[in-house]
């Protein structure tokens, strides 16, 4: 029988000591029990993880996932921390945030189509800028998106008429059972703001096929996306990007503005005056404040427009 650590003062059940030691033996100080998660999210909100694991290689990730499976515990992937709201009570079980070993980019050769292998923690906006500088088209809309390649894939991120689904070729990662796997494009189901992946699958690499255009056209489209984003979205305050999905034929931000909710507050959370589909953390917001503000927006928009807004941001953890 696995030995148990003493129960934490918070009253949460302790993780099996054998699990903690197995992950610590592979990750050392990058295995962090009770680690606060607010610092790992763009919202700067969130309680502690029972255990935060920061694997730097695929081999370390395999150890973490297999240890969790062996102890019957769930794994939550934080990714780049954007587009996620972590509950004030934190996250039970093992939380995984991939380290810098997953930040490599490899640029292939090609005449019309060029293969680009990008690690899951590469910033998608940075990748878009690097591609544009090489005259490679297909990611220009991603300029300014704060998330990572892995998060962008999971959310099928998109804007201004483009989305990740348009250019993904292959996805590599590790399954919930700790087995390394490769998913071809034909086996991926892309929908609006979601890519269907096997349950528990952790993306490590995304292989893109970008168009070789050359000239200034790609850079011009990227600059245009940057200008539009700067003009319409809040800056300088912690946020998680778009809060709600756009309903068919409309925009969530427009509906929130029509409902008169720009500037509405709950605790330290506020709906942005610049864009109705953004909630900002004014410095001391709790997850419960953001959740309450989301629920208020859903209620008022439903009453005034007859549209139920579906969250785009992921709500995870204990509330």
Protein backbone atom coordinates (compact mmCIF):
# COMPACT_ATOMS: atom_id res chain seq x y z
CA UNK A 1 0.00 0.00 0.00
CA UNK A 2 1.30 3.46 -0.88
CA UNK A 3 2.34 5.53 2.10
CA UNK A 4 0.59 8.83 2.57
CA UNK A 5 2.00 12.20 3.52
CA UNK A 6 0.31 14.08 6.32
CA UNK A 7 -2.90 15.75 5.25
CA UNK A 8 -2.31 19.38 4.24
CA UNK A 9 -3.55 22.15 6.49
CA UNK A 10 -6.04 23.11 3.75
CA UNK A 11 -7.89 19.84 4.37
CA UNK A 12 -7.18 18.45 0.90
CA UNK A 13 -6.28 14.79 0.73
CA UNK A 14 -2.53 14.26 0.51
CA UNK A 15 -1.00 12.81 -2.62
CA UNK A 16 0.56 9.33 -2.27
CA UNK A 17 4.18 9.77 -1.19
CA UNK A 18 5.25 7.18 -3.76
CA UNK A 19 3.79 9.34 -6.55
CA UNK A 20 5.57 12.47 -5.36
CA UNK A 21 8.87 10.62 -5.01
CA UNK A 22 8.56 9.00 -8.45
CA UNK A 23 8.08 12.37 -10.11
CA UNK A 24 10.71 14.08 -7.95
CA UNK A 25 13.26 11.40 -8.89
CA UNK A 26 12.83 12.36 -12.55
CA UNK A 27 12.28 16.14 -12.27
CA UNK A 28 14.06 17.15 -9.07
CA UNK A 29 13.08 20.70 -8.03
CA UNK A 30 10.78 20.92 -11.04
CA UNK A 31 8.29 18.78 -9.08
CA UNK A 32 6.55 21.28 -6.80
CA UNK A 33 3.87 20.21 -4.28
CA UNK A 34 1.39 22.92 -3.31
CA UNK A 35 2.64 25.34 -5.97
CA UNK A 36 0.38 28.43 -6.45
CA UNK A 37 -0.83 28.54 -10.06
CA UNK A 38 -1.66 32.25 -10.42
CA UNK A 39 1.88 32.99 -11.59
CA UNK A 40 1.50 30.44 -14.40
CA UNK A 41 -1.66 31.93 -15.96
CA UNK A 42 -2.16 35.08 -18.02
CA UNK A 43 -5.12 35.96 -15.77
CA UNK A 44 -2.77 35.89 -12.74
CA UNK A 45 -5.51 34.01 -10.90
CA UNK A 46 -5.64 30.52 -9.40
CA UNK A 47 -5.10 28.46 -6.25
CA UNK A 48 -2.40 25.82 -5.69
CA UNK A 49 -1.75 22.57 -7.52
CA UNK A 50 -1.51 19.43 -5.42
CA UNK A 51 1.63 18.81 -7.45
CA UNK A 52 2.99 20.90 -10.31
CA UNK A 53 5.29 19.00 -12.68
CA UNK A 54 7.51 20.88 -15.12
CA UNK A 55 8.98 18.24 -17.46
CA UNK A 56 11.67 19.47 -19.86
CA UNK A 57 11.75 16.45 -22.20
CA UNK A 58 9.34 13.91 -23.66
CA UNK A 59 11.02 11.21 -21.53
CA UNK A 60 10.29 13.18 -18.34
CA UNK A 61 6.70 13.75 -19.48
CA UNK A 62 6.29 10.00 -19.94
CA UNK A 63 7.47 9.42 -16.35
CA UNK A 64 4.96 11.94 -15.00
CA UNK A 65 1.99 10.56 -16.93
CA UNK A 66 2.79 6.94 -16.11
CA UNK A 67 3.19 7.75 -12.42
CA UNK A 68 -0.18 9.49 -12.37
CA UNK A 69 -1.87 6.56 -14.13
CA UNK A 70 -0.27 4.08 -11.75
CA UNK A 71 -1.78 5.95 -8.81
CA UNK A 72 -5.18 6.50 -10.42
CA UNK A 73 -4.81 10.28 -10.46
CA UNK A 74 -5.91 12.76 -13.08
CA UNK A 75 -3.54 15.08 -14.93
CA UNK A 76 -4.39 18.67 -15.85
CA UNK A 77 -2.34 20.45 -18.51
CA UNK A 78 -1.88 24.17 -17.93
CA UNK A 79 0.02 24.93 -21.14
CA UNK A 80 0.96 28.57 -21.60
CA UNK A 81 -1.68 29.63 -19.09
CA UNK A 82 -3.73 31.76 -21.48
CA UNK A 83 -7.40 31.10 -22.18
CA UNK A 84 -7.76 29.37 -18.81
CA UNK A 85 -9.29 30.30 -15.46
CA UNK A 86 -8.03 28.26 -12.51
CA UNK A 87 -10.37 28.00 -9.53
CA UNK A 88 -9.49 29.66 -6.22
CA UNK A 89 -9.26 26.21 -4.63
CA UNK A 90 -6.54 25.16 -7.05
CA UNK A 91 -6.30 21.90 -8.97
CA UNK A 92 -6.34 18.41 -7.50
CA UNK A 93 -3.95 15.72 -8.68
CA UNK A 94 -1.02 16.40 -10.97
CA UNK A 95 -0.72 19.60 -12.99
CA UNK A 96 1.66 19.56 -15.95
CA UNK A 97 3.31 22.60 -17.50
CA UNK A 98 5.81 21.78 -20.23
CA UNK A 99 9.27 23.32 -19.87
CA UNK A 100 11.70 25.02 -22.22
CA UNK A 101 12.76 21.75 -23.81
CA UNK A 102 9.52 21.96 -25.79
CA UNK A 103 10.33 25.40 -27.23
CA UNK A 104 12.31 24.37 -30.31
CA UNK A 105 11.40 25.32 -33.91
CA UNK A 106 12.74 23.55 -37.00
CA UNK A 107 12.30 25.16 -40.42
CA UNK A 108 12.16 22.82 -43.40
CA UNK A 109 12.84 23.43 -47.06
CA UNK A 110 10.27 23.59 -49.83
CA UNK A 111 9.21 25.40 -52.95
CA UNK A 112 5.47 25.87 -52.45
CA UNK A 113 4.88 24.23 -49.06
CA UNK A 114 7.32 24.34 -46.17
CA UNK A 115 7.23 22.03 -43.13
CA UNK A 116 7.69 23.75 -39.77
CA UNK A 117 8.08 21.70 -36.56
CA UNK A 118 7.22 23.76 -33.50
CA UNK A 119 7.39 22.66 -29.88
CA UNK A 120 4.20 22.95 -27.86
CA UNK A 121 5.41 25.85 -25.68
CA UNK A 122 6.53 28.07 -28.56
CA UNK A 123 4.53 31.31 -28.47
CA UNK A 124 2.17 31.21 -31.44
CA UNK A 125 2.51 34.95 -32.08
CA UNK A 126 6.30 34.68 -32.12
CA UNK A 127 6.08 31.77 -34.55
CA UNK A 128 3.80 33.84 -36.80
CA UNK A 129 6.31 36.68 -36.87
CA UNK A 130 9.22 34.35 -37.61
CA UNK A 131 7.25 32.72 -40.43
CA UNK A 132 6.36 36.09 -41.94
CA UNK A 133 10.02 37.11 -41.88
CA UNK A 134 10.73 34.02 -44.00
CA UNK A 135 7.90 34.76 -46.42
CA UNK A 136 5.80 31.82 -45.14
CA UNK A 137 2.03 32.33 -45.07
CA UNK A 138 -0.70 30.75 -42.97
CA UNK A 139 -0.20 32.10 -39.44
CA UNK A 140 -0.47 35.88 -39.92
CA UNK A 141 -3.75 36.13 -37.99
CA UNK A 142 -1.98 34.75 -34.89
CA UNK A 143 0.10 37.91 -34.38
CA UNK A 144 -0.72 39.12 -30.88
CA UNK A 145 -2.39 35.90 -29.69
CA UNK A 146 -0.79 35.26 -26.26
CA UNK A 147 -1.02 31.47 -26.24
CA UNK A 148 1.38 28.69 -27.14
CA UNK A 149 1.42 26.37 -30.14
CA UNK A 150 -0.05 23.56 -28.03
CA UNK A 151 -2.81 25.75 -26.63
CA UNK A 152 -3.56 27.20 -30.06
CA UNK A 153 -3.96 23.68 -31.42
CA UNK A 154 -6.23 22.59 -28.57
CA UNK A 155 -8.45 25.64 -29.03
CA UNK A 156 -8.16 25.66 -32.83
CA UNK A 157 -7.25 29.31 -32.32
CA UNK A 158 -8.22 31.73 -35.02
CA UNK A 159 -8.96 35.33 -35.92
CA UNK A 160 -9.59 37.53 -38.92
CA UNK A 161 -10.60 34.64 -41.17
CA UNK A 162 -7.79 32.20 -40.34
CA UNK A 163 -7.41 29.34 -37.89
CA UNK A 164 -4.88 26.71 -36.86
CA UNK A 165 -6.83 23.95 -38.62
CA UNK A 166 -5.88 25.47 -41.98
CA UNK A 167 -2.17 24.67 -41.64
CA UNK A 168 -1.74 21.73 -39.20
CA UNK A 169 -0.21 18.61 -40.77
CA UNK A 170 0.82 16.33 -37.86
CA UNK A 171 0.57 16.42 -34.08
CA UNK A 172 3.03 14.60 -31.83
CA UNK A 173 2.59 13.96 -28.15
CA UNK A 174 2.18 11.53 -25.29
CA UNK A 175 -1.05 9.72 -24.48
CA UNK A 176 -2.61 9.50 -21.03
CA UNK A 177 -1.05 6.02 -20.73
CA UNK A 178 2.45 7.45 -21.22
CA UNK A 179 2.85 6.14 -24.78
CA UNK A 180 4.36 8.46 -27.39
CA UNK A 181 2.01 8.91 -30.35
CA UNK A 182 1.76 10.69 -33.69
CA UNK A 183 -1.60 11.96 -34.98
CA UNK A 184 -1.98 12.62 -38.70
CA UNK A 185 -4.14 15.47 -39.92
CA UNK A 186 -6.78 13.07 -41.23
CA UNK A 187 -7.34 11.76 -37.70
CA UNK A 188 -7.94 15.19 -36.18
CA UNK A 189 -11.44 16.63 -35.90
CA UNK A 190 -11.37 20.42 -36.01
CA UNK A 191 -14.41 22.44 -34.97
CA UNK A 192 -14.93 26.07 -33.99
CA UNK A 193 -12.47 26.80 -31.16
CA UNK A 194 -11.77 23.13 -30.47
CA UNK A 195 -9.65 20.29 -31.77
CA UNK A 196 -10.72 16.80 -30.77
CA UNK A 197 -7.72 15.02 -29.26
CA UNK A 198 -7.63 11.70 -27.39
CA UNK A 199 -8.55 12.11 -23.72
CA UNK A 200 -5.48 12.98 -21.68
CA UNK A 201 -3.26 13.46 -24.73
CA UNK A 202 -0.43 15.97 -24.16
CA UNK A 203 0.78 17.73 -27.30
CA UNK A 204 4.57 18.10 -27.54
CA UNK A 205 5.09 19.11 -31.20
CA UNK A 206 2.87 20.51 -33.96
CA UNK A 207 4.01 20.17 -37.56
CA UNK A 208 2.68 22.91 -39.84
CA UNK A 209 2.61 23.16 -43.63
CA UNK A 210 2.97 26.82 -44.57
CA UNK A 211 2.77 28.40 -48.01
CA UNK A 212 5.92 29.95 -49.44
CA UNK A 213 4.89 33.36 -50.80
CA UNK A 214 7.91 35.60 -50.35
CA UNK A 215 7.79 39.33 -50.92
CA UNK A 216 6.05 41.72 -48.57
CA UNK A 217 2.49 40.32 -48.75
CA UNK A 218 2.78 38.05 -45.71
CA UNK A 219 4.34 40.76 -43.56
CA UNK A 220 1.64 43.22 -44.64
CA UNK A 221 -1.13 40.86 -43.51
CA UNK A 222 0.63 40.24 -40.20
CA UNK A 223 1.02 44.00 -39.64
CA UNK A 224 -2.66 44.49 -40.40
CA UNK A 225 -3.63 41.82 -37.83
CA UNK A 226 -1.39 43.50 -35.25
CA UNK A 227 -2.97 46.90 -35.90
CA UNK A 228 -6.50 45.54 -35.60
CA UNK A 229 -5.69 43.72 -32.37
CA UNK A 230 -4.01 46.72 -30.74
CA UNK A 231 -6.92 48.96 -31.67
CA UNK A 232 -9.65 46.70 -30.34
CA UNK A 233 -8.27 44.72 -27.39
CA UNK A 234 -7.22 45.73 -23.86
CA UNK A 235 -3.56 46.03 -22.98
CA UNK A 236 -1.73 46.43 -19.70
CA UNK A 237 -4.14 44.37 -17.57
CA UNK A 238 -4.03 40.63 -16.94
CA UNK A 239 -6.65 38.75 -18.95
CA UNK A 240 -7.25 35.38 -20.61
CA UNK A 241 -8.17 36.54 -24.10
CA UNK A 242 -11.69 36.07 -25.44
CA UNK A 243 -14.06 34.93 -22.70
CA UNK A 244 -16.92 33.69 -24.88
CA UNK A 245 -17.13 32.01 -28.27
CA UNK A 246 -18.72 34.08 -31.02
CA UNK A 247 -22.25 32.77 -31.68
CA UNK A 248 -23.10 31.92 -35.29
CA UNK A 249 -23.43 35.06 -37.37
CA UNK A 250 -22.61 37.44 -34.52
CA UNK A 251 -19.91 38.56 -32.09
CA UNK A 252 -19.89 37.97 -28.35
CA UNK A 253 -18.30 41.37 -27.74
CA UNK A 254 -21.06 43.14 -29.62
CA UNK A 255 -23.77 41.36 -27.62
CA UNK A 256 -22.08 42.20 -24.32
CA UNK A 257 -21.79 45.84 -25.35
CA UNK A 258 -25.43 45.89 -26.50
CA UNK A 259 -26.39 44.59 -23.05
CA UNK A 260 -24.68 47.63 -21.49
CA UNK A 261 -22.12 45.56 -19.63
CA UNK A 262 -18.84 47.21 -20.65
CA UNK A 263 -17.12 48.32 -17.46
CA UNK A 264 -19.25 46.05 -15.24
CA UNK A 265 -17.36 44.78 -12.18
CA UNK A 266 -17.46 41.99 -9.63
CA UNK A 267 -14.75 42.26 -7.00
CA UNK A 268 -11.44 42.77 -8.77
CA UNK A 269 -12.72 41.63 -12.18
CA UNK A 270 -14.03 44.03 -14.83
CA UNK A 271 -15.43 43.69 -18.34
CA UNK A 272 -13.15 45.75 -20.55
CA UNK A 273 -14.44 49.07 -21.81
CA UNK A 274 -12.41 48.54 -24.98
CA UNK A 275 -13.77 45.09 -25.89
CA UNK A 276 -16.87 43.47 -24.39
CA UNK A 277 -15.49 39.94 -24.80
CA UNK A 278 -12.55 40.54 -22.44
CA UNK A 279 -12.54 40.41 -18.65
CA UNK A 280 -9.50 41.95 -16.97
CA UNK A 281 -7.97 41.36 -13.57
CA UNK A 282 -7.51 44.74 -11.89
CA UNK A 283 -4.91 43.26 -9.59
CA UNK A 284 -6.82 41.44 -6.86
CA UNK A 285 -9.49 39.48 -8.74
CA UNK A 286 -10.42 35.99 -7.63
CA UNK A 287 -11.60 33.24 -9.93
CA UNK A 288 -15.01 33.48 -8.27
CA UNK A 289 -15.20 37.16 -9.33
CA UNK A 290 -14.53 36.31 -12.97
CA UNK A 291 -16.96 33.41 -12.91
CA UNK A 292 -19.69 35.59 -11.40
CA UNK A 293 -19.08 38.26 -14.05
CA UNK A 294 -19.28 35.63 -16.80
CA UNK A 295 -22.56 34.33 -15.43
CA UNK A 296 -23.97 37.85 -15.24
CA UNK A 297 -22.99 38.49 -18.87
CA UNK A 298 -24.61 35.24 -19.95
CA UNK A 299 -27.82 36.08 -18.09
CA UNK A 300 -28.18 39.66 -19.31
CA UNK A 301 -27.29 38.85 -22.93
CA UNK A 302 -29.82 36.01 -22.89
CA UNK A 303 -32.54 38.27 -21.53
CA UNK A 304 -31.86 41.08 -24.01
CA UNK A 305 -30.78 39.23 -27.16
CA UNK A 306 -31.98 35.65 -26.73
CA UNK A 307 -28.43 34.29 -27.21
CA UNK A 308 -26.67 32.07 -24.68
CA UNK A 309 -22.96 32.81 -24.70
CA UNK A 310 -20.76 29.72 -24.53
CA UNK A 311 -17.43 30.13 -22.69
CA UNK A 312 -14.27 30.00 -24.78
CA UNK A 313 -12.03 30.25 -21.72
CA UNK A 314 -11.52 26.93 -19.90
CA UNK A 315 -12.62 26.82 -16.27
CA UNK A 316 -10.54 24.24 -14.41
CA UNK A 317 -9.90 23.23 -10.82
CA UNK A 318 -11.75 23.54 -7.57
CA UNK A 319 -14.28 26.31 -6.99
